[in-house]
Amino acid sequence: SPMIFAIPREVSRRNGRLKVDESLVILVPELASDSDRFLAAFLSVELANRYGIAVRIRHAASNPKTEHFILMGDTSNSLLRQYREMQNITAASSAPGPEGYVLDATDQHVAIMGSDKPGAFYGLQTLLQILERSEGGVSIPAQRIVDGPHQPFRGIYIFLPGRRHIPYFKRFVREIMAPCKLNKLIVEMDAGMRFDRHPELNAGWVDFTKDMKYTRRGRPTGPHEQFQDSGNMVFTDGGVLEKEEVAELVQYARQHHVDIIPEISSLTHSYYLLTRHRELAEIQAAEWPDTYCPSAPGSYKLAFDVLEEYI
């Protein structure tokens, strides 16, 4: 059996399978939502890229009785409402909770019924995981899967990528986070985004990361060889992204039902605040101070300016 991640709550096997070839169609309602169109395009692209199969997307007012089709969406999708009535699927059997879905696959059609938009998207990820390739071609084994997440927060932590790694960031969201059904991405920001109020922080961040790289250090030391925080100079490749670039990354993640939570270092790990504001440092004699003085009012004025720009 194919591995489905995460292991679904319910799987009911059936006889038969739906052959995936170019006679198959992906149906969307005549008045398709942005979510309906996104799901259909996502599946069409994946089938073309993985298997070289060009499956058409077609607008329809009703479900065809003889044609083989795939149908995906949430409770607002009119074709899925018709499908539930046609298959006599009750509300209780198609309500697996928030971010949940029912995947109903027969030898004639596949319907992914999401409790909401994230649920429909995760059902699509499961569909891609149960696809099978054999000598006879690509097919979908007939079965019904009911699933929903056990935890509302399913996240990981990364650094803000540099400009040349933005394509990899997008691949990571689409090819790693989406199949694993992860929905939160904590991103450490520091001075990796352009600041309007404090451009000196961006300039200082570039200087700091260059110094760490050129001297091959992961962290500086204090005046008496005190242990200081890691420099984290690898993120953004030591450069600065424009606000529009950061906003575009956030929008791309949201489209894949991933919420970005910015981590903005405060008190410690605050090199990015202090490269040009040594007067606010707890240890001003440090080569590169990493901690601001919590008794200095200016520390909060600077930190809150940064927070407001990220917000």
Protein backbone atom coordinates (compact mmCIF):
# COMPACT_ATOMS: atom_id res chain seq x y z
CA SER A 1 0.00 0.00 0.00
CA PRO A 2 1.25 3.53 -0.68
CA MET A 3 2.44 5.53 2.30
CA ILE A 4 0.14 8.39 3.21
CA PHE A 5 1.58 11.08 5.44
CA ALA A 6 0.28 11.55 8.04
CA ILE A 7 -1.39 8.16 8.59
CA PRO A 8 -5.12 8.80 7.95
CA ARG A 9 -7.76 8.23 10.57
CA GLU A 10 -9.87 6.01 8.32
CA VAL A 11 -9.07 4.10 5.12
CA SER A 12 -11.63 1.83 3.45
CA ARG A 13 -10.26 -0.17 0.50
CA ARG A 14 -12.44 -0.98 -2.51
CA ASN A 15 -12.11 -3.04 -5.64
CA GLY A 16 -11.02 -1.37 -8.85
CA ARG A 17 -8.94 1.64 -9.77
CA LEU A 18 -9.27 4.78 -11.87
CA LYS A 19 -6.83 5.02 -14.75
CA VAL A 20 -5.14 8.40 -15.03
CA ASP A 21 -4.73 9.32 -18.67
CA GLU A 22 -5.62 12.19 -20.95
CA SER A 23 -9.28 11.12 -21.18
CA LEU A 24 -9.64 12.10 -17.52
CA VAL A 25 -10.85 15.64 -16.70
CA ILE A 26 -10.50 17.85 -13.64
CA LEU A 27 -13.84 19.55 -13.04
CA VAL A 28 -14.40 22.99 -11.55
CA PRO A 29 -17.75 24.80 -11.17
CA GLU A 30 -18.78 27.35 -13.78
CA LEU A 31 -18.34 30.05 -11.14
CA ALA A 32 -15.14 28.56 -9.73
CA SER A 33 -13.52 30.18 -6.72
CA ASP A 34 -9.84 31.08 -6.58
CA SER A 35 -9.35 28.03 -4.36
CA ASP A 36 -11.08 25.73 -6.88
CA ARG A 37 -8.88 27.01 -9.69
CA PHE A 38 -5.73 26.73 -7.58
CA LEU A 39 -6.43 23.09 -6.66
CA ALA A 40 -7.18 22.15 -10.27
CA ALA A 41 -4.05 23.87 -11.58
CA PHE A 42 -1.91 22.31 -8.83
CA LEU A 43 -3.05 18.80 -9.75
CA SER A 44 -2.74 19.38 -13.49
CA VAL A 45 0.84 20.62 -13.10
CA GLU A 46 1.83 17.73 -10.82
CA LEU A 47 0.45 15.10 -13.22
CA ALA A 48 2.28 16.72 -16.13
CA ASN A 49 5.58 17.12 -14.26
CA ARG A 50 5.65 13.72 -12.55
CA TYR A 51 4.06 11.48 -15.15
CA GLY A 52 3.92 13.41 -18.42
CA ILE A 53 0.11 13.20 -18.43
CA ALA A 54 -1.77 16.29 -19.64
CA VAL A 55 -5.14 16.29 -17.86
CA ARG A 56 -7.58 19.01 -18.91
CA ILE A 57 -9.38 21.38 -16.55
CA ARG A 58 -13.02 21.96 -17.48
CA HIS A 59 -15.78 24.18 -16.13
CA ALA A 60 -19.07 22.34 -15.65
CA ALA A 61 -22.56 23.01 -14.34
CA SER A 62 -23.10 19.41 -13.24
CA ASN A 63 -21.25 16.15 -12.74
CA PRO A 64 -21.08 14.00 -15.90
CA LYS A 65 -22.71 10.57 -15.64
CA THR A 66 -20.36 8.66 -17.94
CA GLU A 67 -17.11 10.63 -18.10
CA HIS A 68 -14.23 9.91 -15.71
CA PHE A 69 -13.38 12.95 -13.60
CA ILE A 70 -11.61 14.35 -10.52
CA LEU A 71 -13.42 16.88 -8.36
CA MET A 72 -11.91 18.87 -5.47
CA GLY A 73 -13.03 21.65 -3.17
CA ASP A 74 -14.60 22.70 0.10
CA THR A 75 -18.22 23.01 1.18
CA SER A 76 -18.80 26.00 -1.12
CA ASN A 77 -18.14 23.96 -4.28
CA SER A 78 -21.47 23.43 -6.06
CA LEU A 79 -20.29 20.32 -7.94
CA LEU A 80 -19.31 18.65 -4.68
CA ARG A 81 -22.75 19.36 -3.22
CA GLN A 82 -24.22 17.56 -6.22
CA TYR A 83 -21.72 14.73 -5.77
CA ARG A 84 -22.71 14.19 -2.14
CA GLU A 85 -26.36 13.92 -3.13
CA MET A 86 -25.53 11.61 -6.05
CA GLN A 87 -23.44 9.31 -3.82
CA ASN A 88 -25.77 9.64 -0.81
CA ILE A 89 -22.93 10.89 1.40
CA THR A 90 -24.35 12.29 4.63
CA ALA A 91 -23.04 15.36 6.39
CA ALA A 92 -21.74 13.23 9.26
CA SER A 93 -19.51 11.14 7.00
CA SER A 94 -18.08 14.17 5.23
CA ALA A 95 -17.29 16.36 8.25
CA PRO A 96 -13.91 15.24 9.64
CA GLY A 97 -13.35 18.58 11.39
CA PRO A 98 -11.27 21.69 10.62
CA GLU A 99 -8.62 21.14 7.93
CA GLY A 100 -10.07 17.67 7.34
CA TYR A 101 -11.28 15.97 4.17
CA VAL A 102 -12.96 12.93 2.70
CA LEU A 103 -11.32 11.41 -0.37
CA ASP A 104 -13.82 9.23 -2.25
CA ALA A 105 -12.17 7.26 -5.09
CA THR A 106 -13.93 4.77 -7.36
CA ASP A 107 -13.11 3.29 -10.75
CA GLN A 108 -15.09 6.15 -12.34
CA HIS A 109 -14.17 9.29 -10.42
CA VAL A 110 -12.40 10.85 -7.46
CA ALA A 111 -13.93 13.47 -5.20
CA ILE A 112 -12.03 15.34 -2.49
CA MET A 113 -14.48 16.96 -0.08
CA GLY A 114 -12.71 19.36 2.26
CA SER A 115 -14.28 20.65 5.45
CA ASP A 116 -12.65 23.93 4.47
CA LYS A 117 -10.07 25.20 1.99
CA PRO A 118 -7.03 23.79 3.85
CA GLY A 119 -8.82 20.44 4.13
CA ALA A 120 -9.38 20.29 0.38
CA PHE A 121 -5.70 21.12 -0.19
CA TYR A 122 -4.54 18.37 2.17
CA GLY A 123 -6.89 15.93 0.47
CA LEU A 124 -5.17 16.78 -2.81
CA GLN A 125 -1.78 16.04 -1.22
CA THR A 126 -3.09 12.62 -0.16
CA LEU A 127 -4.37 11.98 -3.69
CA LEU A 128 -0.87 12.63 -5.06
CA GLN A 129 0.54 10.17 -2.52
CA ILE A 130 -1.78 7.30 -3.49
CA LEU A 131 -1.10 7.53 -7.22
CA GLU A 132 0.46 4.30 -8.48
CA ARG A 133 2.56 3.68 -11.58
CA SER A 134 2.71 0.21 -13.12
CA GLU A 135 3.19 -1.36 -16.54
CA GLY A 136 -0.41 -0.47 -17.29
CA GLY A 137 0.19 3.21 -16.57
CA VAL A 138 -0.78 5.52 -13.70
CA SER A 139 -3.88 4.82 -11.64
CA ILE A 140 -5.69 5.66 -8.41
CA PRO A 141 -6.75 2.67 -6.27
CA ALA A 142 -10.43 2.80 -5.29
CA GLN A 143 -10.86 3.67 -1.61
CA ARG A 144 -12.37 6.12 0.82
CA ILE A 145 -10.08 8.09 3.13
CA VAL A 146 -11.31 10.26 5.99
CA ASP A 147 -8.68 12.36 7.72
CA GLY A 148 -8.01 15.50 9.69
CA PRO A 149 -5.03 16.79 11.68
CA HIS A 150 -4.50 15.74 15.29
CA GLN A 151 -2.84 19.08 16.13
CA PRO A 152 -3.80 22.57 14.90
CA PHE A 153 -0.16 23.80 14.97
CA ARG A 154 2.14 21.82 12.67
CA GLY A 155 5.23 23.88 11.99
CA ILE A 156 8.96 24.17 11.50
CA TYR A 157 11.57 26.91 11.83
CA ILE A 158 13.89 28.38 9.20
CA PHE A 159 15.87 31.53 8.41
CA LEU A 160 14.66 34.12 5.92
CA PRO A 161 16.19 33.02 2.59
CA GLY A 162 18.55 35.10 0.50
CA ARG A 163 17.47 36.35 -2.91
CA ARG A 164 19.14 33.53 -4.82
CA HIS A 165 17.39 30.98 -2.60
CA ILE A 166 13.85 32.30 -3.10
CA PRO A 167 13.11 29.60 -5.76
CA TYR A 168 14.27 26.94 -3.29
CA PHE A 169 12.06 28.48 -0.56
CA LYS A 170 9.05 28.10 -2.87
CA ARG A 171 9.97 24.51 -3.73
CA PHE A 172 10.34 23.81 -0.02
CA VAL A 173 6.81 25.09 0.67
CA ARG A 174 5.28 23.23 -2.28
CA GLU A 175 7.27 19.99 -2.25
CA ILE A 176 8.05 19.47 1.45
CA MET A 177 5.58 21.37 3.61
CA ALA A 178 2.48 20.74 1.49
CA PRO A 179 2.87 16.91 1.24
CA CYS A 180 3.63 16.76 4.97
CA LYS A 181 0.50 18.86 5.63
CA LEU A 182 2.44 21.42 7.68
CA ASN A 183 0.69 24.73 8.25
CA LYS A 184 3.08 27.01 10.18
CA LEU A 185 6.49 28.35 9.19
CA ILE A 186 8.45 30.29 11.80
CA VAL A 187 10.93 32.50 9.94
CA GLU A 188 13.76 34.34 11.69
CA MET A 189 13.92 37.83 10.18
CA ASP A 190 16.31 40.15 12.09
CA ALA A 191 17.56 42.82 9.62
CA GLY A 192 17.01 40.65 6.54
CA MET A 193 14.25 42.94 5.22
CA ARG A 194 14.72 46.54 4.10
CA PHE A 195 13.77 49.06 6.82
CA ASP A 196 12.43 52.49 5.95
CA ARG A 197 12.87 53.95 9.44
CA HIS A 198 16.29 52.46 10.18
CA PRO A 199 18.32 51.77 7.04
CA GLU A 200 21.43 51.81 9.23
CA LEU A 201 20.35 48.43 10.61
CA ASN A 202 20.47 46.90 7.13
CA ALA A 203 23.89 48.41 6.46
CA GLY A 204 25.20 47.17 9.81
CA TRP A 205 23.78 43.69 9.21
CA VAL A 206 25.68 43.44 5.91
CA ASP A 207 28.91 44.56 7.60
CA PHE A 208 28.46 42.07 10.44
CA THR A 209 27.78 39.08 8.18
CA LYS A 210 30.73 39.94 5.94
CA ASP A 211 33.05 40.10 8.94
CA MET A 212 31.85 36.72 10.24
CA LYS A 213 32.23 35.10 6.82
CA TYR A 214 35.61 36.58 5.98
CA THR A 215 37.04 35.66 9.40
CA ARG A 216 35.37 32.22 9.24
CA ARG A 217 33.63 32.61 12.56
CA GLY A 218 30.19 31.46 13.59
CA ARG A 219 30.05 33.95 16.44
CA PRO A 220 32.22 36.73 17.88
CA THR A 221 33.44 36.63 21.46
CA GLY A 222 33.06 39.21 24.19
CA PRO A 223 35.85 41.46 25.56
CA HIS A 224 36.99 38.77 28.01
CA GLU A 225 36.29 35.82 25.70
CA GLN A 226 32.72 35.57 26.91
CA PHE A 227 30.50 33.17 25.01
CA GLN A 228 28.15 35.14 22.73
CA ASP A 229 25.16 34.10 20.65
CA SER A 230 25.48 32.52 17.23
CA GLY A 231 25.73 35.14 14.51
CA ASN A 232 23.08 33.51 12.27
CA MET A 233 24.80 35.27 9.39
CA VAL A 234 23.88 32.54 6.93
CA PHE A 235 20.30 33.66 6.46
CA THR A 236 19.47 36.08 3.61
CA ASP A 237 22.99 35.16 2.39
CA GLY A 238 24.22 38.17 4.34
CA GLY A 239 22.09 40.49 2.20
CA VAL A 240 18.75 42.28 2.46
CA LEU A 241 15.42 41.52 0.79
CA GLU A 242 13.05 44.29 -0.26
CA LYS A 243 9.68 44.46 1.50
CA GLU A 244 7.88 43.47 -1.68
CA GLU A 245 9.99 40.30 -1.90
CA VAL A 246 9.17 39.33 1.68
CA ALA A 247 5.47 40.05 1.14
CA GLU A 248 5.50 37.86 -1.98
CA LEU A 249 6.99 34.97 0.01
CA VAL A 250 4.26 35.36 2.63
CA GLN A 251 1.56 35.37 -0.05
CA TYR A 252 3.02 32.28 -1.73
CA ALA A 253 3.05 30.42 1.58
CA ARG A 254 -0.54 31.44 2.36
CA GLN A 255 -1.65 30.15 -1.04
CA HIS A 256 -0.34 26.76 0.10
CA HIS A 257 -2.12 27.14 3.47
CA VAL A 258 1.06 27.90 5.38
CA ASP A 259 1.03 30.79 7.87
CA ILE A 260 4.36 32.57 8.22
CA ILE A 261 5.17 33.59 11.78
CA PRO A 262 8.08 36.04 11.90
CA GLU A 263 10.66 35.52 14.61
CA ILE A 264 12.21 38.88 15.45
CA SER A 265 14.99 38.50 17.98
CA SER A 266 14.84 40.63 21.11
CA LEU A 267 17.15 41.11 24.09
CA THR A 268 19.68 38.48 22.98
CA HIS A 269 20.60 37.49 19.40
CA SER A 270 20.22 41.20 18.68
CA TYR A 271 23.38 41.85 16.67
CA TYR A 272 21.18 43.32 13.94
CA LEU A 273 19.95 46.08 16.29
CA LEU A 274 23.34 46.96 17.74
CA THR A 275 25.80 47.09 14.82
CA ARG A 276 25.04 50.82 14.50
CA HIS A 277 23.67 51.40 18.01
CA ARG A 278 26.48 50.36 20.33
CA GLU A 279 25.20 52.92 22.86
CA LEU A 280 22.27 50.56 23.56
CA ALA A 281 24.41 47.45 24.12
CA GLU A 282 24.59 45.68 27.48
CA ILE A 283 28.35 45.23 26.91
CA GLN A 284 29.42 48.19 24.79
CA ALA A 285 33.07 47.05 24.68
CA ALA A 286 32.13 43.88 22.75
CA GLU A 287 33.46 43.62 19.21
CA TRP A 288 29.91 42.94 18.00
CA PRO A 289 27.40 43.31 20.85
CA ASP A 290 24.67 40.67 20.87
CA THR A 291 22.45 41.89 23.75
CA TYR A 292 20.87 45.27 24.27
CA CYS A 293 20.51 46.91 27.67
CA PRO A 294 16.99 46.25 28.99
CA SER A 295 17.23 49.35 31.19
CA ALA A 296 17.77 51.73 28.26
CA PRO A 297 14.50 53.24 26.91
CA GLY A 298 16.14 53.61 23.49
CA SER A 299 16.36 49.82 23.22
CA TYR A 300 12.58 49.56 23.13
CA LYS A 301 12.10 52.48 20.79
CA LEU A 302 14.43 50.81 18.27
CA ALA A 303 13.03 47.30 18.75
CA PHE A 304 9.40 48.48 18.46
CA ASP A 305 10.19 50.42 15.27
CA VAL A 306 11.47 47.18 13.76
CA LEU A 307 8.42 45.23 14.97
CA GLU A 308 6.05 47.78 13.45
CA GLU A 309 7.77 47.64 10.08
CA TYR A 310 7.51 43.85 9.99
CA ILE A 311 3.87 44.00 10.99
